[in-house]
C-alpha cells in the first residue's frame, strides 16, 4: 500500500488520521484497514497524543465502506479473517484510552459508518450521508454495525436502516442520535472538531481514560459476544448466491436479481 493512502499527523497533542483515497471514496481495502490499525496503535502508545481525530480526504466521503471489488468469489472461510480484522480495528478504537473524534464529511457507508460508530464522538458536515447498505449486496454489516447501531439509535431505527440499506442525511442522523453535531460546511466541521479536540487536550488524561472505560462498560455489556455472533452470520452471507449476485450487480451497475438463497 502506498503510505499516502492513510495520513498521520500529530500537532499539539492531537493526532489526525486521514483516509486518503478520495478518488475511491476512501473505500476500505485490506491495506488501508491495516494502516489504520497501525496508526491507531501508534497514537495509543504515544504519550504526547491526547486526542485522536479520524476523517476522510476530500469532500465526497469519510469512508464509503469496503472495497467491493474484492468480494466476488469469496466464501465464508475466505472473508472471515478480513471481517475479524475489521471488527478488531473497531474494538481497538472504541477501547483506546484516549478520546477519538470522527469528523464525517460526505459518505459514511458500510464499514465507514461502522468505523465512525466505534469513535467516541461523531461530528458531521451537512453533506454527510450515513447508512449500512450491505443488504443490497446480499450480505449484512460485519464490522460491528448490527451491534453498535441499535445501541446508538435504538433497535427499531437500526432494523429499518439495516433491512432497507437506506441512507440518511446528516440532519436525520443528528435527530436519531447517530451524530453529536452537524456543521453547515466541511470547513466549519473541521474547525468544530479542532475546537473540541483542543478542549479535550486540556482535560486530565487519567480521568478521561477512566471515564471512557466506565462509559463503555455501561454501554457495551455483552459487546464481544454480540460481535462474535455478527461475525459468524456475516461470513455465512458470503456462501450465498445472493451475495454473488448482489456484488456482481453493484460492479456491473445494474439492479440485482436476488434468488433468496
C-alpha atoms as a PDB file:
ATOM      1  CA  UNK A   1       0.000   0.000   0.000  1.00  0.00           C
ATOM      2  CA  UNK A   2       1.173   3.490  -0.721  1.00  0.00           C
ATOM      3  CA  UNK A   3       1.815   5.218   2.584  1.00  0.00           C
ATOM      4  CA  UNK A   4      -0.144   8.217   1.273  1.00  0.00           C
ATOM      5  CA  UNK A   5      -3.398   6.230   1.306  1.00  0.00           C
ATOM      6  CA  UNK A   6      -3.589   6.856   5.049  1.00  0.00           C
ATOM      7  CA  UNK A   7      -2.084  10.018   6.511  1.00  0.00           C
ATOM      8  CA  UNK A   8      -0.931  10.531  10.090  1.00  0.00           C
ATOM      9  CA  UNK A   9      -0.071  13.815  11.754  1.00  0.00           C
ATOM     10  CA  UNK A  10       0.408  14.932  15.353  1.00  0.00           C
ATOM     11  CA  UNK A  11       0.125  18.607  16.303  1.00  0.00           C
ATOM     12  CA  UNK A  12      -0.194  19.945  19.849  1.00  0.00           C
ATOM     13  CA  UNK A  13      -1.295  16.631  21.315  1.00  0.00           C
ATOM     14  CA  UNK A  14      -3.853  15.925  18.577  1.00  0.00           C
ATOM     15  CA  UNK A  15      -3.263  13.007  16.200  1.00  0.00           C
ATOM     16  CA  UNK A  16      -5.176  13.242  12.929  1.00  0.00           C
ATOM     17  CA  UNK A  17      -5.626  10.062  10.892  1.00  0.00           C
ATOM     18  CA  UNK A  18      -6.917  10.654   7.368  1.00  0.00           C
ATOM     19  CA  UNK A  19      -8.096   8.006   4.919  1.00  0.00           C
ATOM     20  CA  UNK A  20      -6.617   9.381   1.718  1.00  0.00           C
ATOM     21  CA  UNK A  21      -8.292   7.644  -1.226  1.00  0.00           C
ATOM     22  CA  UNK A  22     -10.643  10.424  -2.350  1.00  0.00           C
ATOM     23  CA  UNK A  23     -10.936   9.129  -5.928  1.00  0.00           C
ATOM     24  CA  UNK A  24     -12.181   5.806  -4.478  1.00  0.00           C
ATOM     25  CA  UNK A  25     -14.497   7.497  -1.963  1.00  0.00           C
ATOM     26  CA  UNK A  26     -11.979   6.468   0.708  1.00  0.00           C
ATOM     27  CA  UNK A  27     -13.052   2.835   0.377  1.00  0.00           C
ATOM     28  CA  UNK A  28     -11.573   0.460   2.931  1.00  0.00           C
ATOM     29  CA  UNK A  29      -9.407  -2.240   1.394  1.00  0.00           C
ATOM     30  CA  UNK A  30      -7.175  -4.544   3.430  1.00  0.00           C
ATOM     31  CA  UNK A  31      -4.093  -2.340   3.133  1.00  0.00           C
ATOM     32  CA  UNK A  32      -5.969   0.757   4.314  1.00  0.00           C
ATOM     33  CA  UNK A  33      -7.513  -1.140   7.199  1.00  0.00           C
ATOM     34  CA  UNK A  34      -4.087  -2.441   8.264  1.00  0.00           C
ATOM     35  CA  UNK A  35      -2.599   1.049   8.055  1.00  0.00           C
ATOM     36  CA  UNK A  36      -5.441   2.446  10.155  1.00  0.00           C
ATOM     37  CA  UNK A  37      -4.773  -0.225  12.747  1.00  0.00           C
ATOM     38  CA  UNK A  38      -1.064   0.646  12.812  1.00  0.00           C
ATOM     39  CA  UNK A  39      -1.711   4.375  13.173  1.00  0.00           C
ATOM     40  CA  UNK A  40      -4.305   3.988  15.916  1.00  0.00           C
ATOM     41  CA  UNK A  41      -1.868   1.791  17.842  1.00  0.00           C
ATOM     42  CA  UNK A  42       0.837   4.387  17.285  1.00  0.00           C
ATOM     43  CA  UNK A  43      -1.427   7.103  18.663  1.00  0.00           C
ATOM     44  CA  UNK A  44      -2.347   4.978  21.675  1.00  0.00           C
ATOM     45  CA  UNK A  45       1.302   4.302  22.511  1.00  0.00           C
ATOM     46  CA  UNK A  46       2.434   7.916  22.044  1.00  0.00           C
ATOM     47  CA  UNK A  47       2.209   9.713  25.398  1.00  0.00           C
ATOM     48  CA  UNK A  48       2.257  13.080  23.639  1.00  0.00           C
ATOM     49  CA  UNK A  49      -1.050  12.262  21.914  1.00  0.00           C
ATOM     50  CA  UNK A  50      -4.083  13.161  23.989  1.00  0.00           C
ATOM     51  CA  UNK A  51      -6.871  13.103  21.375  1.00  0.00           C
ATOM     52  CA  UNK A  52      -7.314  11.358  18.018  1.00  0.00           C
ATOM     53  CA  UNK A  53      -9.312  12.610  15.018  1.00  0.00           C
ATOM     54  CA  UNK A  54     -10.391  10.235  12.233  1.00  0.00           C
ATOM     55  CA  UNK A  55     -11.507  11.711   8.918  1.00  0.00           C
ATOM     56  CA  UNK A  56     -11.510  11.187   5.168  1.00  0.00           C
ATOM     57  CA  UNK A  57      -9.767  13.212   2.488  1.00  0.00           C
ATOM     58  CA  UNK A  58     -11.776  15.309   0.053  1.00  0.00           C
ATOM     59  CA  UNK A  59     -15.369  16.490   0.126  1.00  0.00           C
ATOM     60  CA  UNK A  60     -17.216  13.389  -1.074  1.00  0.00           C
ATOM     61  CA  UNK A  61     -16.573  10.747   1.556  1.00  0.00           C
ATOM     62  CA  UNK A  62     -15.462   9.945   5.078  1.00  0.00           C
ATOM     63  CA  UNK A  63     -15.298   6.295   4.029  1.00  0.00           C
ATOM     64  CA  UNK A  64     -17.747   4.696   1.616  1.00  0.00           C
ATOM     65  CA  UNK A  65     -17.379   1.194   3.006  1.00  0.00           C
ATOM     66  CA  UNK A  66     -15.385  -1.821   1.927  1.00  0.00           C
ATOM     67  CA  UNK A  67     -13.792  -2.125  -1.492  1.00  0.00           C
ATOM     68  CA  UNK A  68     -16.433  -4.294  -3.204  1.00  0.00           C
ATOM     69  CA  UNK A  69     -14.034  -5.336  -5.964  1.00  0.00           C
ATOM     70  CA  UNK A  70     -12.531  -7.809  -3.507  1.00  0.00           C
ATOM     71  CA  UNK A  71     -15.830  -9.614  -2.813  1.00  0.00           C
ATOM     72  CA  UNK A  72     -16.608 -11.719  -5.914  1.00  0.00           C
ATOM     73  CA  UNK A  73     -15.954 -15.421  -5.401  1.00  0.00           C
ATOM     74  CA  UNK A  74     -15.042 -15.140  -1.719  1.00  0.00           C
ATOM     75  CA  UNK A  75     -16.800 -17.548   0.617  1.00  0.00           C
ATOM     76  CA  UNK A  76     -17.252 -17.551   4.390  1.00  0.00           C
ATOM     77  CA  UNK A  77     -13.851 -19.083   5.090  1.00  0.00           C
ATOM     78  CA  UNK A  78     -12.064 -16.540   2.946  1.00  0.00           C
ATOM     79  CA  UNK A  79     -13.940 -13.488   4.242  1.00  0.00           C
ATOM     80  CA  UNK A  80     -13.691 -14.305   7.966  1.00  0.00           C
ATOM     81  CA  UNK A  81     -10.106 -13.058   8.555  1.00  0.00           C
ATOM     82  CA  UNK A  82     -10.853  -9.734   6.841  1.00  0.00           C
ATOM     83  CA  UNK A  83     -14.112  -9.242   8.740  1.00  0.00           C
ATOM     84  CA  UNK A  84     -12.470 -10.189  12.034  1.00  0.00           C
ATOM     85  CA  UNK A  85      -9.679  -7.694  11.370  1.00  0.00           C
ATOM     86  CA  UNK A  86     -12.290  -5.002  10.730  1.00  0.00           C
ATOM     87  CA  UNK A  87     -14.057  -5.834  13.971  1.00  0.00           C
ATOM     88  CA  UNK A  88     -10.748  -5.836  15.833  1.00  0.00           C
ATOM     89  CA  UNK A  89      -9.944  -2.368  14.495  1.00  0.00           C
ATOM     90  CA  UNK A  90     -13.346  -1.078  15.636  1.00  0.00           C
ATOM     91  CA  UNK A  91     -12.897  -2.615  19.084  1.00  0.00           C
ATOM     92  CA  UNK A  92      -9.420  -1.118  19.397  1.00  0.00           C
ATOM     93  CA  UNK A  93     -10.679   2.364  18.507  1.00  0.00           C
ATOM     94  CA  UNK A  94     -13.530   2.009  20.973  1.00  0.00           C
ATOM     95  CA  UNK A  95     -11.297   0.756  23.786  1.00  0.00           C
ATOM     96  CA  UNK A  96      -8.447   3.257  23.374  1.00  0.00           C
ATOM     97  CA  UNK A  97      -7.530   5.217  26.489  1.00  0.00           C
ATOM     98  CA  UNK A  98      -7.826   8.464  24.531  1.00  0.00           C
ATOM     99  CA  UNK A  99     -10.903  10.160  23.044  1.00  0.00           C
ATOM    100  CA  UNK A 100     -11.451   9.528  19.342  1.00  0.00           C
ATOM    101  CA  UNK A 101     -13.482  12.021  17.298  1.00  0.00           C
ATOM    102  CA  UNK A 102     -14.895  11.134  13.873  1.00  0.00           C
ATOM    103  CA  UNK A 103     -15.044  14.115  11.506  1.00  0.00           C
ATOM    104  CA  UNK A 104     -17.560  12.832   8.963  1.00  0.00           C
ATOM    105  CA  UNK A 105     -17.593  14.574   5.593  1.00  0.00           C
ATOM    106  CA  UNK A 106     -19.686  13.078   2.798  1.00  0.00           C
ATOM    107  CA  UNK A 107     -20.494   9.369   2.662  1.00  0.00           C
ATOM    108  CA  UNK A 108     -20.050   7.173   5.740  1.00  0.00           C
ATOM    109  CA  UNK A 109     -21.432   3.894   4.459  1.00  0.00           C
ATOM    110  CA  UNK A 110     -20.953   0.266   5.431  1.00  0.00           C
ATOM    111  CA  UNK A 111     -17.563  -0.141   7.040  1.00  0.00           C
ATOM    112  CA  UNK A 112     -17.158   3.635   7.034  1.00  0.00           C
ATOM    113  CA  UNK A 113     -20.282   4.088   9.135  1.00  0.00           C
ATOM    114  CA  UNK A 114     -19.114   1.262  11.388  1.00  0.00           C
ATOM    115  CA  UNK A 115     -15.730   2.925  11.934  1.00  0.00           C
ATOM    116  CA  UNK A 116     -17.452   6.203  12.774  1.00  0.00           C
ATOM    117  CA  UNK A 117     -19.677   4.421  15.296  1.00  0.00           C
ATOM    118  CA  UNK A 118     -16.591   2.981  17.006  1.00  0.00           C
ATOM    119  CA  UNK A 119     -15.371   6.520  17.684  1.00  0.00           C
ATOM    120  CA  UNK A 120     -16.379   8.262  20.904  1.00  0.00           C
ATOM    121  CA  UNK A 121     -17.882  11.375  19.313  1.00  0.00           C
ATOM    122  CA  UNK A 122     -19.156  11.968  15.780  1.00  0.00           C
ATOM    123  CA  UNK A 123     -19.308  15.431  14.219  1.00  0.00           C
ATOM    124  CA  UNK A 124     -20.619  15.729  10.663  1.00  0.00           C
ATOM    125  CA  UNK A 125     -20.850  18.229   7.845  1.00  0.00           C
ATOM    126  CA  UNK A 126     -24.245  18.952   6.308  1.00  0.00           C
ATOM    127  CA  UNK A 127     -23.339  16.887   3.228  1.00  0.00           C
ATOM    128  CA  UNK A 128     -22.712  13.745   5.281  1.00  0.00           C
ATOM    129  CA  UNK A 129     -24.685  10.606   4.481  1.00  0.00           C
ATOM    130  CA  UNK A 130     -24.860   7.558   6.726  1.00  0.00           C
ATOM    131  CA  UNK A 131     -26.000   4.039   6.002  1.00  0.00           C
ATOM    132  CA  UNK A 132     -25.458   0.292   6.184  1.00  0.00           C
ATOM    133  CA  UNK A 133     -26.189  -0.739   2.593  1.00  0.00           C
ATOM    134  CA  UNK A 134     -24.775  -4.272   2.858  1.00  0.00           C
ATOM    135  CA  UNK A 135     -28.242  -5.823   2.444  1.00  0.00           C
ATOM    136  CA  UNK A 136     -28.221  -4.548  -1.159  1.00  0.00           C
ATOM    137  CA  UNK A 137     -25.279  -6.873  -1.808  1.00  0.00           C
ATOM    138  CA  UNK A 138     -26.975  -9.851  -0.219  1.00  0.00           C
ATOM    139  CA  UNK A 139     -24.884  -9.612   2.958  1.00  0.00           C
ATOM    140  CA  UNK A 140     -25.073  -7.837   6.349  1.00  0.00           C
ATOM    141  CA  UNK A 141     -22.812  -5.432   8.257  1.00  0.00           C
ATOM    142  CA  UNK A 142     -19.681  -7.161   9.530  1.00  0.00           C
ATOM    143  CA  UNK A 143     -17.547  -4.545  11.331  1.00  0.00           C
ATOM    144  CA  UNK A 144     -19.969  -4.136  14.245  1.00  0.00           C
ATOM    145  CA  UNK A 145     -22.879  -2.427  12.526  1.00  0.00           C
ATOM    146  CA  UNK A 146     -25.628  -4.693  13.845  1.00  0.00           C
ATOM    147  CA  UNK A 147     -24.199  -4.301  17.357  1.00  0.00           C
ATOM    148  CA  UNK A 148     -23.359  -0.606  17.700  1.00  0.00           C
ATOM    149  CA  UNK A 149     -26.111   0.916  15.560  1.00  0.00           C
ATOM    150  CA  UNK A 150     -29.029  -0.208  17.791  1.00  0.00           C
ATOM    151  CA  UNK A 151     -27.116   0.938  20.850  1.00  0.00           C
ATOM    152  CA  UNK A 152     -26.815   4.416  19.344  1.00  0.00           C
ATOM    153  CA  UNK A 153     -30.153   4.960  17.599  1.00  0.00           C
ATOM    154  CA  UNK A 154     -32.454   2.333  19.100  1.00  0.00           C
ATOM    155  CA  UNK A 155     -33.460  -1.086  17.828  1.00  0.00           C
ATOM    156  CA  UNK A 156     -36.340  -0.011  15.581  1.00  0.00           C
ATOM    157  CA  UNK A 157     -34.417   2.592  13.605  1.00  0.00           C
ATOM    158  CA  UNK A 158     -31.391   0.284  13.389  1.00  0.00           C
ATOM    159  CA  UNK A 159     -33.527  -2.504  11.938  1.00  0.00           C
ATOM    160  CA  UNK A 160     -35.045  -0.136   9.388  1.00  0.00           C
ATOM    161  CA  UNK A 161     -31.626   1.067   8.249  1.00  0.00           C
ATOM    162  CA  UNK A 162     -30.073  -2.420   8.115  1.00  0.00           C
ATOM    163  CA  UNK A 163     -33.091  -4.117   6.492  1.00  0.00           C
ATOM    164  CA  UNK A 164     -33.536  -1.451   3.792  1.00  0.00           C
ATOM    165  CA  UNK A 165     -29.937  -0.364   3.217  1.00  0.00           C
ATOM    166  CA  UNK A 166     -31.247   3.203   3.011  1.00  0.00           C
ATOM    167  CA  UNK A 167     -29.018   6.206   3.628  1.00  0.00           C
ATOM    168  CA  UNK A 168     -29.900   9.065   5.957  1.00  0.00           C
ATOM    169  CA  UNK A 169     -28.779  12.682   5.748  1.00  0.00           C
ATOM    170  CA  UNK A 170     -26.808  14.481   8.429  1.00  0.00           C
ATOM    171  CA  UNK A 171     -29.825  16.206   9.962  1.00  0.00           C
ATOM    172  CA  UNK A 172     -31.645  12.889  10.343  1.00  0.00           C
ATOM    173  CA  UNK A 173     -28.504  11.288  11.781  1.00  0.00           C
ATOM    174  CA  UNK A 174     -28.461  14.086  14.354  1.00  0.00           C
ATOM    175  CA  UNK A 175     -32.147  13.595  15.157  1.00  0.00           C
ATOM    176  CA  UNK A 176     -31.779   9.866  15.822  1.00  0.00           C
ATOM    177  CA  UNK A 177     -28.573  10.251  17.828  1.00  0.00           C
ATOM    178  CA  UNK A 178     -26.075   8.843  15.358  1.00  0.00           C
ATOM    179  CA  UNK A 179     -24.051  12.071  15.390  1.00  0.00           C
ATOM    180  CA  UNK A 180     -23.423  14.675  18.083  1.00  0.00           C
ATOM    181  CA  UNK A 181     -23.389  17.820  15.957  1.00  0.00           C
ATOM    182  CA  UNK A 182     -23.824  18.940  12.334  1.00  0.00           C
ATOM    183  CA  UNK A 183     -21.944  21.818  10.651  1.00  0.00           C
ATOM    184  CA  UNK A 184     -23.007  23.686   7.528  1.00  0.00           C
ATOM    185  CA  UNK A 185     -19.734  23.184   5.663  1.00  0.00           C
ATOM    186  CA  UNK A 186     -16.722  20.889   5.678  1.00  0.00           C
ATOM    187  CA  UNK A 187     -14.557  23.826   6.723  1.00  0.00           C
ATOM    188  CA  UNK A 188     -16.838  24.521   9.687  1.00  0.00           C
ATOM    189  CA  UNK A 189     -16.794  20.800  10.517  1.00  0.00           C
ATOM    190  CA  UNK A 190     -13.025  20.700  10.797  1.00  0.00           C
ATOM    191  CA  UNK A 191     -12.988  23.917  12.796  1.00  0.00           C
ATOM    192  CA  UNK A 192     -15.562  22.474  15.188  1.00  0.00           C
ATOM    193  CA  UNK A 193     -13.677  19.200  15.538  1.00  0.00           C
ATOM    194  CA  UNK A 194     -10.430  21.072  16.184  1.00  0.00           C
ATOM    195  CA  UNK A 195     -12.138  23.198  18.846  1.00  0.00           C
ATOM    196  CA  UNK A 196     -13.457  20.084  20.592  1.00  0.00           C
ATOM    197  CA  UNK A 197     -10.083  18.329  20.355  1.00  0.00           C
ATOM    198  CA  UNK A 198      -8.282  21.322  21.877  1.00  0.00           C
ATOM    199  CA  UNK A 199     -10.827  21.364  24.712  1.00  0.00           C
ATOM    200  CA  UNK A 200     -10.262  17.664  25.390  1.00  0.00           C
ATOM    201  CA  UNK A 201      -6.460  18.008  25.289  1.00  0.00           C
ATOM    202  CA  UNK A 202      -6.751  20.315  28.281  1.00  0.00           C
ATOM    203  CA  UNK A 203      -8.725  17.780  30.333  1.00  0.00           C
ATOM    204  CA  UNK A 204      -6.980  15.359  32.777  1.00  0.00           C
ATOM    205  CA  UNK A 205      -5.873  12.327  30.797  1.00  0.00           C
ATOM    206  CA  UNK A 206      -6.253   9.727  33.532  1.00  0.00           C
ATOM    207  CA  UNK A 207      -9.781  10.888  34.351  1.00  0.00           C
ATOM    208  CA  UNK A 208     -10.708  10.852  30.651  1.00  0.00           C
ATOM    209  CA  UNK A 209      -9.345   7.313  30.346  1.00  0.00           C
ATOM    210  CA  UNK A 210     -11.264   6.057  33.373  1.00  0.00           C
ATOM    211  CA  UNK A 211     -14.450   7.867  32.368  1.00  0.00           C
ATOM    212  CA  UNK A 212     -14.262   6.307  28.919  1.00  0.00           C
ATOM    213  CA  UNK A 213     -13.774   2.841  30.402  1.00  0.00           C
ATOM    214  CA  UNK A 214     -16.732   3.270  32.724  1.00  0.00           C
ATOM    215  CA  UNK A 215     -18.989   4.621  29.978  1.00  0.00           C
ATOM    216  CA  UNK A 216     -18.014   1.799  27.626  1.00  0.00           C
ATOM    217  CA  UNK A 217     -18.628  -0.836  30.286  1.00  0.00           C
ATOM    218  CA  UNK A 218     -22.106   0.536  30.930  1.00  0.00           C
ATOM    219  CA  UNK A 219     -22.883   0.700  27.207  1.00  0.00           C
ATOM    220  CA  UNK A 220     -21.350  -2.486  25.866  1.00  0.00           C
ATOM    221  CA  UNK A 221     -22.342  -5.256  28.231  1.00  0.00           C
ATOM    222  CA  UNK A 222     -22.019  -8.353  26.012  1.00  0.00           C
ATOM    223  CA  UNK A 223     -20.447  -6.487  23.090  1.00  0.00           C
ATOM    224  CA  UNK A 224     -17.826  -9.117  22.333  1.00  0.00           C
ATOM    225  CA  UNK A 225     -20.370 -11.925  22.339  1.00  0.00           C
ATOM    226  CA  UNK A 226     -22.576  -9.843  20.036  1.00  0.00           C
ATOM    227  CA  UNK A 227     -19.647  -9.161  17.718  1.00  0.00           C
ATOM    228  CA  UNK A 228     -18.740 -12.854  17.597  1.00  0.00           C
ATOM    229  CA  UNK A 229     -22.301 -13.686  16.559  1.00  0.00           C
ATOM    230  CA  UNK A 230     -22.315 -10.946  13.935  1.00  0.00           C
ATOM    231  CA  UNK A 231     -19.015 -12.246  12.569  1.00  0.00           C
ATOM    232  CA  UNK A 232     -20.477 -15.720  12.124  1.00  0.00           C
ATOM    233  CA  UNK A 233     -23.627 -14.625  10.327  1.00  0.00           C
ATOM    234  CA  UNK A 234     -21.790 -12.010   8.235  1.00  0.00           C
ATOM    235  CA  UNK A 235     -19.431 -14.697   6.966  1.00  0.00           C
ATOM    236  CA  UNK A 236     -22.369 -17.018   6.241  1.00  0.00           C
ATOM    237  CA  UNK A 237     -23.779 -14.483   3.786  1.00  0.00           C
ATOM    238  CA  UNK A 238     -20.628 -14.959   1.688  1.00  0.00           C
ATOM    239  CA  UNK A 239     -21.724 -18.546   0.990  1.00  0.00           C
ATOM    240  CA  UNK A 240     -24.993 -17.425  -0.609  1.00  0.00           C
ATOM    241  CA  UNK A 241     -25.898 -16.993  -4.256  1.00  0.00           C
ATOM    242  CA  UNK A 242     -27.455 -13.656  -3.353  1.00  0.00           C
ATOM    243  CA  UNK A 243     -24.074 -12.300  -2.268  1.00  0.00           C
ATOM    244  CA  UNK A 244     -22.517 -13.178  -5.624  1.00  0.00           C
ATOM    245  CA  UNK A 245     -25.462 -11.627  -7.469  1.00  0.00           C
ATOM    246  CA  UNK A 246     -25.508  -8.509  -5.288  1.00  0.00           C
ATOM    247  CA  UNK A 247     -21.802  -7.868  -5.711  1.00  0.00           C
ATOM    248  CA  UNK A 248     -21.896  -8.603  -9.444  1.00  0.00           C
ATOM    249  CA  UNK A 249     -24.834  -6.221  -9.916  1.00  0.00           C
ATOM    250  CA  UNK A 250     -23.030  -3.493  -7.998  1.00  0.00           C
ATOM    251  CA  UNK A 251     -19.870  -3.830 -10.069  1.00  0.00           C
ATOM    252  CA  UNK A 252     -21.870  -4.033 -13.313  1.00  0.00           C
ATOM    253  CA  UNK A 253     -24.011  -1.021 -12.294  1.00  0.00           C
ATOM    254  CA  UNK A 254     -27.334  -2.834 -12.625  1.00  0.00           C
ATOM    255  CA  UNK A 255     -30.228  -3.822 -10.394  1.00  0.00           C
ATOM    256  CA  UNK A 256     -29.659  -7.170  -8.587  1.00  0.00           C
ATOM    257  CA  UNK A 257     -31.990 -10.100  -9.084  1.00  0.00           C
ATOM    258  CA  UNK A 258     -31.853 -11.969  -5.789  1.00  0.00           C
ATOM    259  CA  UNK A 259     -32.890 -15.630  -5.568  1.00  0.00           C
ATOM    260  CA  UNK A 260     -33.089 -15.605  -1.783  1.00  0.00           C
ATOM    261  CA  UNK A 261     -30.634 -18.455  -1.388  1.00  0.00           C
END
